[in-house]
Amino acid sequence: MIVVLVGFLGLAMDAGYLAGVKSRMQTAADTAAMAGAMGTSRGEAAPDAARSVARLNGFTHAKNTVQVSVNTPPQYGDFRGDAEAVEVMISQNVPTSFFRIFHMPTAEVKARAVARRRNQRAELGE
């Protein structure tokens, strides 16, 4: 019985850790998309503004398996093809602890956000 309880505890710990990473990543994607949308209104390149904000939130492109993709216009969703919208997708292979028993040394965590310029402001979409 102890083995089963320890197993569930391990699963809960990994799942909770991954959920925490996902939450931080989604916040980074949201703010990066808004920065990209606002950057274009100031004449900045959307990828530069978005990646800069993602880095400030702890997700540096091409470091520790982090990938930050910035698309203007977005490639997916309701704003696909909208030149005033910026899509940011962040992904990272996160190391696991207990899931290694099931031959899962890492788990890929992804977040996506879209922001659109509206006058001199940016608003999150999808």
N, C-alpha and C. Protein backbone atom coordinates (compact mmCIF):
# COMPACT_ATOMS: atom_id res chain seq x y z
N MET A 1 0.82 -1.20 0.00
CA MET A 1 0.00 0.00 0.00
C MET A 1 0.86 1.26 0.00
N ILE A 2 1.97 1.24 0.73
CA ILE A 2 2.87 2.39 0.78
C ILE A 2 3.44 2.69 -0.61
N VAL A 3 3.76 1.64 -1.36
CA VAL A 3 4.32 1.82 -2.70
C VAL A 3 3.30 2.54 -3.59
N VAL A 4 2.06 2.16 -3.51
CA VAL A 4 1.01 2.80 -4.31
C VAL A 4 0.86 4.26 -3.90
N LEU A 5 0.85 4.54 -2.61
CA LEU A 5 0.72 5.92 -2.14
C LEU A 5 1.90 6.78 -2.58
N VAL A 6 3.10 6.22 -2.49
CA VAL A 6 4.29 6.96 -2.93
C VAL A 6 4.23 7.21 -4.43
N GLY A 7 3.72 6.23 -5.18
CA GLY A 7 3.55 6.39 -6.62
C GLY A 7 2.61 7.53 -6.95
N PHE A 8 1.48 7.58 -6.29
CA PHE A 8 0.53 8.66 -6.53
C PHE A 8 1.10 10.01 -6.11
N LEU A 9 1.86 10.03 -5.03
CA LEU A 9 2.50 11.27 -4.60
C LEU A 9 3.49 11.75 -5.65
N GLY A 10 4.27 10.82 -6.21
CA GLY A 10 5.23 11.19 -7.25
C GLY A 10 4.54 11.73 -8.49
N LEU A 11 3.46 11.08 -8.90
CA LEU A 11 2.70 11.56 -10.05
C LEU A 11 2.13 12.95 -9.80
N ALA A 12 1.60 13.15 -8.61
CA ALA A 12 1.02 14.45 -8.26
C ALA A 12 2.10 15.53 -8.24
N MET A 13 3.29 15.20 -7.77
CA MET A 13 4.37 16.18 -7.73
C MET A 13 4.79 16.60 -9.14
N ASP A 14 4.99 15.62 -10.04
CA ASP A 14 5.36 15.95 -11.41
C ASP A 14 4.25 16.72 -12.11
N ALA A 15 3.02 16.28 -11.96
CA ALA A 15 1.90 16.95 -12.61
C ALA A 15 1.76 18.38 -12.09
N GLY A 16 1.93 18.59 -10.81
CA GLY A 16 1.86 19.93 -10.23
C GLY A 16 2.98 20.82 -10.72
N TYR A 17 4.17 20.25 -10.82
CA TYR A 17 5.31 21.02 -11.33
C TYR A 17 5.08 21.44 -12.77
N LEU A 18 4.62 20.49 -13.60
CA LEU A 18 4.36 20.81 -15.01
C LEU A 18 3.24 21.84 -15.15
N ALA A 19 2.22 21.77 -14.30
CA ALA A 19 1.14 22.75 -14.33
C ALA A 19 1.66 24.14 -13.95
N GLY A 20 2.58 24.20 -13.01
CA GLY A 20 3.19 25.47 -12.63
C GLY A 20 4.01 26.08 -13.76
N VAL A 21 4.79 25.23 -14.44
CA VAL A 21 5.56 25.70 -15.59
C VAL A 21 4.63 26.21 -16.68
N LYS A 22 3.54 25.46 -16.94
CA LYS A 22 2.57 25.86 -17.96
C LYS A 22 1.96 27.21 -17.62
N SER A 23 1.63 27.43 -16.36
CA SER A 23 1.04 28.70 -15.94
C SER A 23 2.00 29.87 -16.16
N ARG A 24 3.27 29.69 -15.76
CA ARG A 24 4.26 30.74 -15.97
C ARG A 24 4.50 30.98 -17.46
N MET A 25 4.50 29.89 -18.23
CA MET A 25 4.72 29.99 -19.67
C MET A 25 3.57 30.71 -20.35
N GLN A 26 2.33 30.45 -19.91
CA GLN A 26 1.18 31.12 -20.51
C GLN A 26 1.22 32.61 -20.21
N THR A 27 1.61 32.97 -19.01
CA THR A 27 1.74 34.38 -18.66
C THR A 27 2.81 35.05 -19.53
N ALA A 28 3.92 34.35 -19.75
CA ALA A 28 4.98 34.88 -20.60
C ALA A 28 4.50 35.04 -22.04
N ALA A 29 3.76 34.06 -22.54
CA ALA A 29 3.23 34.15 -23.91
C ALA A 29 2.24 35.30 -24.04
N ASP A 30 1.36 35.45 -23.06
CA ASP A 30 0.38 36.55 -23.08
C ASP A 30 1.07 37.91 -23.12
N THR A 31 2.02 38.12 -22.22
CA THR A 31 2.69 39.42 -22.16
C THR A 31 3.58 39.64 -23.39
N ALA A 32 4.20 38.57 -23.89
CA ALA A 32 5.04 38.69 -25.08
C ALA A 32 4.20 39.05 -26.31
N ALA A 33 3.03 38.45 -26.44
CA ALA A 33 2.15 38.78 -27.57
C ALA A 33 1.71 40.23 -27.49
N MET A 34 1.35 40.69 -26.30
CA MET A 34 0.95 42.09 -26.15
C MET A 34 2.12 43.03 -26.46
N ALA A 35 3.33 42.66 -26.02
CA ALA A 35 4.50 43.49 -26.31
C ALA A 35 4.79 43.51 -27.80
N GLY A 36 4.61 42.38 -28.46
CA GLY A 36 4.82 42.33 -29.91
C GLY A 36 3.83 43.21 -30.64
N ALA A 37 2.57 43.14 -30.22
CA ALA A 37 1.54 43.96 -30.86
C ALA A 37 1.79 45.45 -30.62
N MET A 38 2.15 45.81 -29.41
CA MET A 38 2.44 47.22 -29.11
C MET A 38 3.73 47.67 -29.78
N GLY A 39 4.69 46.76 -29.89
CA GLY A 39 5.96 47.11 -30.54
C GLY A 39 5.76 47.48 -32.00
N THR A 40 4.87 46.78 -32.68
CA THR A 40 4.63 47.10 -34.09
C THR A 40 4.01 48.49 -34.24
N SER A 41 3.23 48.91 -33.26
CA SER A 41 2.64 50.25 -33.34
C SER A 41 3.69 51.33 -33.11
N ARG A 42 4.81 50.98 -32.48
CA ARG A 42 5.91 51.92 -32.25
C ARG A 42 7.02 51.76 -33.29
N GLY A 43 6.81 50.88 -34.27
CA GLY A 43 7.81 50.68 -35.31
C GLY A 43 8.85 49.63 -35.00
N GLU A 44 8.72 48.92 -33.88
CA GLU A 44 9.65 47.84 -33.54
C GLU A 44 9.25 46.57 -34.27
N ALA A 45 10.19 45.67 -34.42
CA ALA A 45 9.88 44.37 -35.00
C ALA A 45 9.19 43.53 -33.93
N ALA A 46 8.06 42.95 -34.28
CA ALA A 46 7.28 42.15 -33.32
C ALA A 46 8.10 41.02 -32.69
N PRO A 47 8.91 40.26 -33.47
CA PRO A 47 9.69 39.19 -32.84
C PRO A 47 10.66 39.69 -31.78
N ASP A 48 11.31 40.83 -32.05
CA ASP A 48 12.27 41.36 -31.07
C ASP A 48 11.58 41.77 -29.78
N ALA A 49 10.48 42.50 -29.89
CA ALA A 49 9.76 42.95 -28.70
C ALA A 49 9.19 41.76 -27.93
N ALA A 50 8.62 40.80 -28.64
CA ALA A 50 8.01 39.65 -27.97
C ALA A 50 9.06 38.76 -27.29
N ARG A 51 10.15 38.49 -27.98
CA ARG A 51 11.19 37.64 -27.38
C ARG A 51 11.87 38.32 -26.19
N SER A 52 11.98 39.63 -26.25
CA SER A 52 12.56 40.37 -25.13
C SER A 52 11.70 40.20 -23.87
N VAL A 53 10.39 40.33 -24.03
CA VAL A 53 9.48 40.19 -22.88
C VAL A 53 9.43 38.73 -22.42
N ALA A 54 9.45 37.78 -23.34
CA ALA A 54 9.48 36.37 -22.95
C ALA A 54 10.73 36.08 -22.13
N ARG A 55 11.86 36.66 -22.54
CA ARG A 55 13.12 36.47 -21.79
C ARG A 55 13.00 37.06 -20.39
N LEU A 56 12.38 38.23 -20.27
CA LEU A 56 12.20 38.84 -18.95
C LEU A 56 11.32 37.98 -18.04
N ASN A 57 10.46 37.15 -18.65
CA ASN A 57 9.60 36.25 -17.88
C ASN A 57 10.21 34.87 -17.70
N GLY A 58 11.47 34.70 -18.06
CA GLY A 58 12.18 33.46 -17.80
C GLY A 58 12.21 32.46 -18.94
N PHE A 59 11.79 32.85 -20.14
CA PHE A 59 11.78 31.94 -21.28
C PHE A 59 12.60 32.55 -22.42
N THR A 60 13.90 32.28 -22.39
CA THR A 60 14.83 32.81 -23.38
C THR A 60 14.88 31.88 -24.58
N HIS A 61 14.64 32.42 -25.75
CA HIS A 61 14.64 31.63 -26.99
C HIS A 61 15.98 30.92 -27.19
N ALA A 62 15.92 29.63 -27.54
CA ALA A 62 17.10 28.81 -27.85
C ALA A 62 17.99 28.57 -26.63
N LYS A 63 17.45 28.64 -25.44
CA LYS A 63 18.21 28.35 -24.22
C LYS A 63 17.41 27.35 -23.38
N ASN A 64 18.06 26.30 -22.93
CA ASN A 64 17.42 25.26 -22.11
C ASN A 64 16.18 24.68 -22.80
N THR A 65 16.29 24.36 -24.06
CA THR A 65 15.24 23.76 -24.89
C THR A 65 14.01 24.66 -25.08
N VAL A 66 14.13 25.94 -24.78
CA VAL A 66 13.01 26.87 -24.96
C VAL A 66 12.97 27.33 -26.42
N GLN A 67 11.78 27.32 -27.00
CA GLN A 67 11.57 27.86 -28.34
C GLN A 67 10.46 28.92 -28.23
N VAL A 68 10.76 30.12 -28.71
CA VAL A 68 9.77 31.19 -28.74
C VAL A 68 9.55 31.56 -30.21
N SER A 69 8.38 31.22 -30.72
CA SER A 69 8.04 31.53 -32.11
C SER A 69 7.09 32.72 -32.13
N VAL A 70 7.38 33.67 -33.00
CA VAL A 70 6.54 34.86 -33.13
C VAL A 70 6.11 34.97 -34.59
N ASN A 71 4.81 35.01 -34.79
CA ASN A 71 4.26 35.09 -36.14
C ASN A 71 3.35 36.31 -36.29
N THR A 72 3.64 37.10 -37.32
CA THR A 72 2.79 38.22 -37.68
C THR A 72 2.56 38.15 -39.18
N PRO A 73 1.41 37.84 -39.63
CA PRO A 73 0.16 37.54 -38.93
C PRO A 73 0.17 36.13 -38.34
N PRO A 74 -0.73 35.84 -37.44
CA PRO A 74 -0.81 34.50 -36.84
C PRO A 74 -1.05 33.41 -37.89
N GLN A 75 -0.53 32.23 -37.59
CA GLN A 75 -0.70 31.09 -38.49
C GLN A 75 -1.93 30.26 -38.16
N TYR A 76 -2.46 30.41 -36.97
CA TYR A 76 -3.57 29.58 -36.51
C TYR A 76 -4.67 30.44 -35.89
N GLY A 77 -5.86 29.88 -35.83
CA GLY A 77 -6.94 30.49 -35.07
C GLY A 77 -7.72 31.57 -35.80
N ASP A 78 -8.55 32.27 -35.02
CA ASP A 78 -9.47 33.27 -35.55
C ASP A 78 -8.76 34.46 -36.19
N PHE A 79 -7.56 34.78 -35.75
CA PHE A 79 -6.85 35.95 -36.27
C PHE A 79 -5.85 35.59 -37.37
N ARG A 80 -5.96 34.40 -37.88
CA ARG A 80 -5.06 33.94 -38.95
C ARG A 80 -5.14 34.92 -40.13
N GLY A 81 -3.98 35.41 -40.54
CA GLY A 81 -3.92 36.33 -41.67
C GLY A 81 -4.14 37.79 -41.31
N ASP A 82 -4.45 38.10 -40.05
CA ASP A 82 -4.67 39.49 -39.62
C ASP A 82 -3.31 40.14 -39.39
N ALA A 83 -2.97 41.11 -40.23
CA ALA A 83 -1.65 41.75 -40.18
C ALA A 83 -1.42 42.55 -38.90
N GLU A 84 -2.47 42.88 -38.18
CA GLU A 84 -2.31 43.64 -36.94
C GLU A 84 -2.25 42.76 -35.70
N ALA A 85 -2.26 41.45 -35.89
CA ALA A 85 -2.20 40.51 -34.77
C ALA A 85 -0.83 39.85 -34.70
N VAL A 86 -0.43 39.52 -33.49
CA VAL A 86 0.85 38.85 -33.24
C VAL A 86 0.58 37.57 -32.46
N GLU A 87 1.12 36.48 -32.94
CA GLU A 87 0.98 35.18 -32.29
C GLU A 87 2.33 34.79 -31.67
N VAL A 88 2.30 34.40 -30.42
CA VAL A 88 3.52 33.94 -29.73
C VAL A 88 3.27 32.52 -29.23
N MET A 89 4.17 31.63 -29.59
CA MET A 89 4.11 30.24 -29.12
C MET A 89 5.42 29.93 -28.41
N ILE A 90 5.30 29.46 -27.18
CA ILE A 90 6.47 29.10 -26.39
C ILE A 90 6.38 27.61 -26.09
N SER A 91 7.49 26.91 -26.24
CA SER A 91 7.53 25.49 -25.88
C SER A 91 8.86 25.19 -25.20
N GLN A 92 8.84 24.19 -24.34
CA GLN A 92 10.04 23.78 -23.64
C GLN A 92 9.90 22.32 -23.21
N ASN A 93 10.99 21.57 -23.33
CA ASN A 93 11.04 20.22 -22.78
C ASN A 93 11.49 20.34 -21.33
N VAL A 94 10.59 20.02 -20.42
CA VAL A 94 10.84 20.18 -18.99
C VAL A 94 11.21 18.83 -18.39
N PRO A 95 12.30 18.76 -17.62
CA PRO A 95 12.67 17.49 -17.00
C PRO A 95 11.65 17.07 -15.94
N THR A 96 11.41 15.77 -15.88
CA THR A 96 10.49 15.23 -14.89
C THR A 96 11.27 14.47 -13.83
N SER A 97 10.61 14.13 -12.76
CA SER A 97 11.24 13.33 -11.71
C SER A 97 10.65 11.93 -11.70
N PHE A 98 9.40 11.84 -11.33
CA PHE A 98 8.76 10.53 -11.18
C PHE A 98 8.39 9.90 -12.51
N PHE A 99 8.04 10.72 -13.50
CA PHE A 99 7.64 10.19 -14.81
C PHE A 99 8.77 9.41 -15.49
N ARG A 100 10.00 9.57 -15.02
CA ARG A 100 11.13 8.83 -15.58
C ARG A 100 10.91 7.32 -15.47
N ILE A 101 10.20 6.91 -14.46
CA ILE A 101 9.90 5.49 -14.30
C ILE A 101 9.16 4.96 -15.51
N PHE A 102 8.35 5.81 -16.12
CA PHE A 102 7.56 5.44 -17.30
C PHE A 102 8.27 5.84 -18.60
N HIS A 103 9.60 5.99 -18.53
CA HIS A 103 10.42 6.34 -19.68
C HIS A 103 10.04 7.70 -20.27
N MET A 104 9.70 8.65 -19.40
CA MET A 104 9.42 10.02 -19.80
C MET A 104 10.36 10.96 -19.02
N PRO A 105 11.63 11.06 -19.47
CA PRO A 105 12.55 11.93 -18.73
C PRO A 105 12.22 13.41 -18.87
N THR A 106 11.48 13.77 -19.94
CA THR A 106 11.04 15.15 -20.12
C THR A 106 9.60 15.15 -20.62
N ALA A 107 8.95 16.27 -20.43
CA ALA A 107 7.60 16.48 -20.95
C ALA A 107 7.60 17.83 -21.66
N GLU A 108 7.00 17.87 -22.84
CA GLU A 108 6.93 19.13 -23.57
C GLU A 108 5.75 19.95 -23.07
N VAL A 109 6.03 21.19 -22.70
CA VAL A 109 5.01 22.12 -22.24
C VAL A 109 4.91 23.23 -23.28
N LYS A 110 3.68 23.59 -23.66
CA LYS A 110 3.47 24.61 -24.69
C LYS A 110 2.46 25.65 -24.22
N ALA A 111 2.63 26.86 -24.73
CA ALA A 111 1.66 27.94 -24.49
C ALA A 111 1.58 28.77 -25.75
N ARG A 112 0.40 29.30 -26.00
CA ARG A 112 0.16 30.13 -27.20
C ARG A 112 -0.71 31.32 -26.83
N ALA A 113 -0.39 32.46 -27.39
CA ALA A 113 -1.20 33.65 -27.16
C ALA A 113 -1.21 34.50 -28.42
N VAL A 114 -2.29 35.22 -28.61
CA VAL A 114 -2.43 36.14 -29.74
C VAL A 114 -2.90 37.48 -29.19
N ALA A 115 -2.25 38.53 -29.63
CA ALA A 115 -2.66 39.89 -29.28
C ALA A 115 -2.80 40.68 -30.57
N ARG A 116 -3.70 41.64 -30.53
CA ARG A 116 -3.99 42.44 -31.72
C ARG A 116 -3.95 43.91 -31.37
N ARG A 117 -3.37 44.68 -32.26
CA ARG A 117 -3.38 46.13 -32.06
C ARG A 117 -4.78 46.66 -32.27
N ARG A 118 -5.15 47.58 -31.43
CA ARG A 118 -6.43 48.27 -31.57
C ARG A 118 -6.18 49.71 -31.19
N ASN A 119 -6.17 50.56 -32.18
CA ASN A 119 -5.76 51.95 -32.00
C ASN A 119 -4.35 51.98 -31.44
N GLN A 120 -4.13 52.55 -30.30
CA GLN A 120 -2.79 52.60 -29.71
C GLN A 120 -2.64 51.60 -28.56
N ARG A 121 -3.57 50.65 -28.48
CA ARG A 121 -3.52 49.65 -27.41
C ARG A 121 -3.44 48.26 -28.01
N ALA A 122 -3.07 47.30 -27.19
CA ALA A 122 -3.07 45.90 -27.61
C ALA A 122 -4.04 45.15 -26.72
N GLU A 123 -4.70 44.17 -27.28
CA GLU A 123 -5.61 43.35 -26.48
C GLU A 123 -5.39 41.89 -26.85
N LEU A 124 -5.54 41.04 -25.85
CA LEU A 124 -5.36 39.62 -26.08
C LEU A 124 -6.55 39.08 -26.84
N GLY A 125 -6.28 38.15 -27.75
CA GLY A 125 -7.34 37.49 -28.50
C GLY A 125 -7.52 36.09 -27.98
N GLU A 126 -7.85 35.21 -28.84
CA GLU A 126 -8.08 33.78 -28.60
C GLU A 126 -7.63 33.32 -27.25
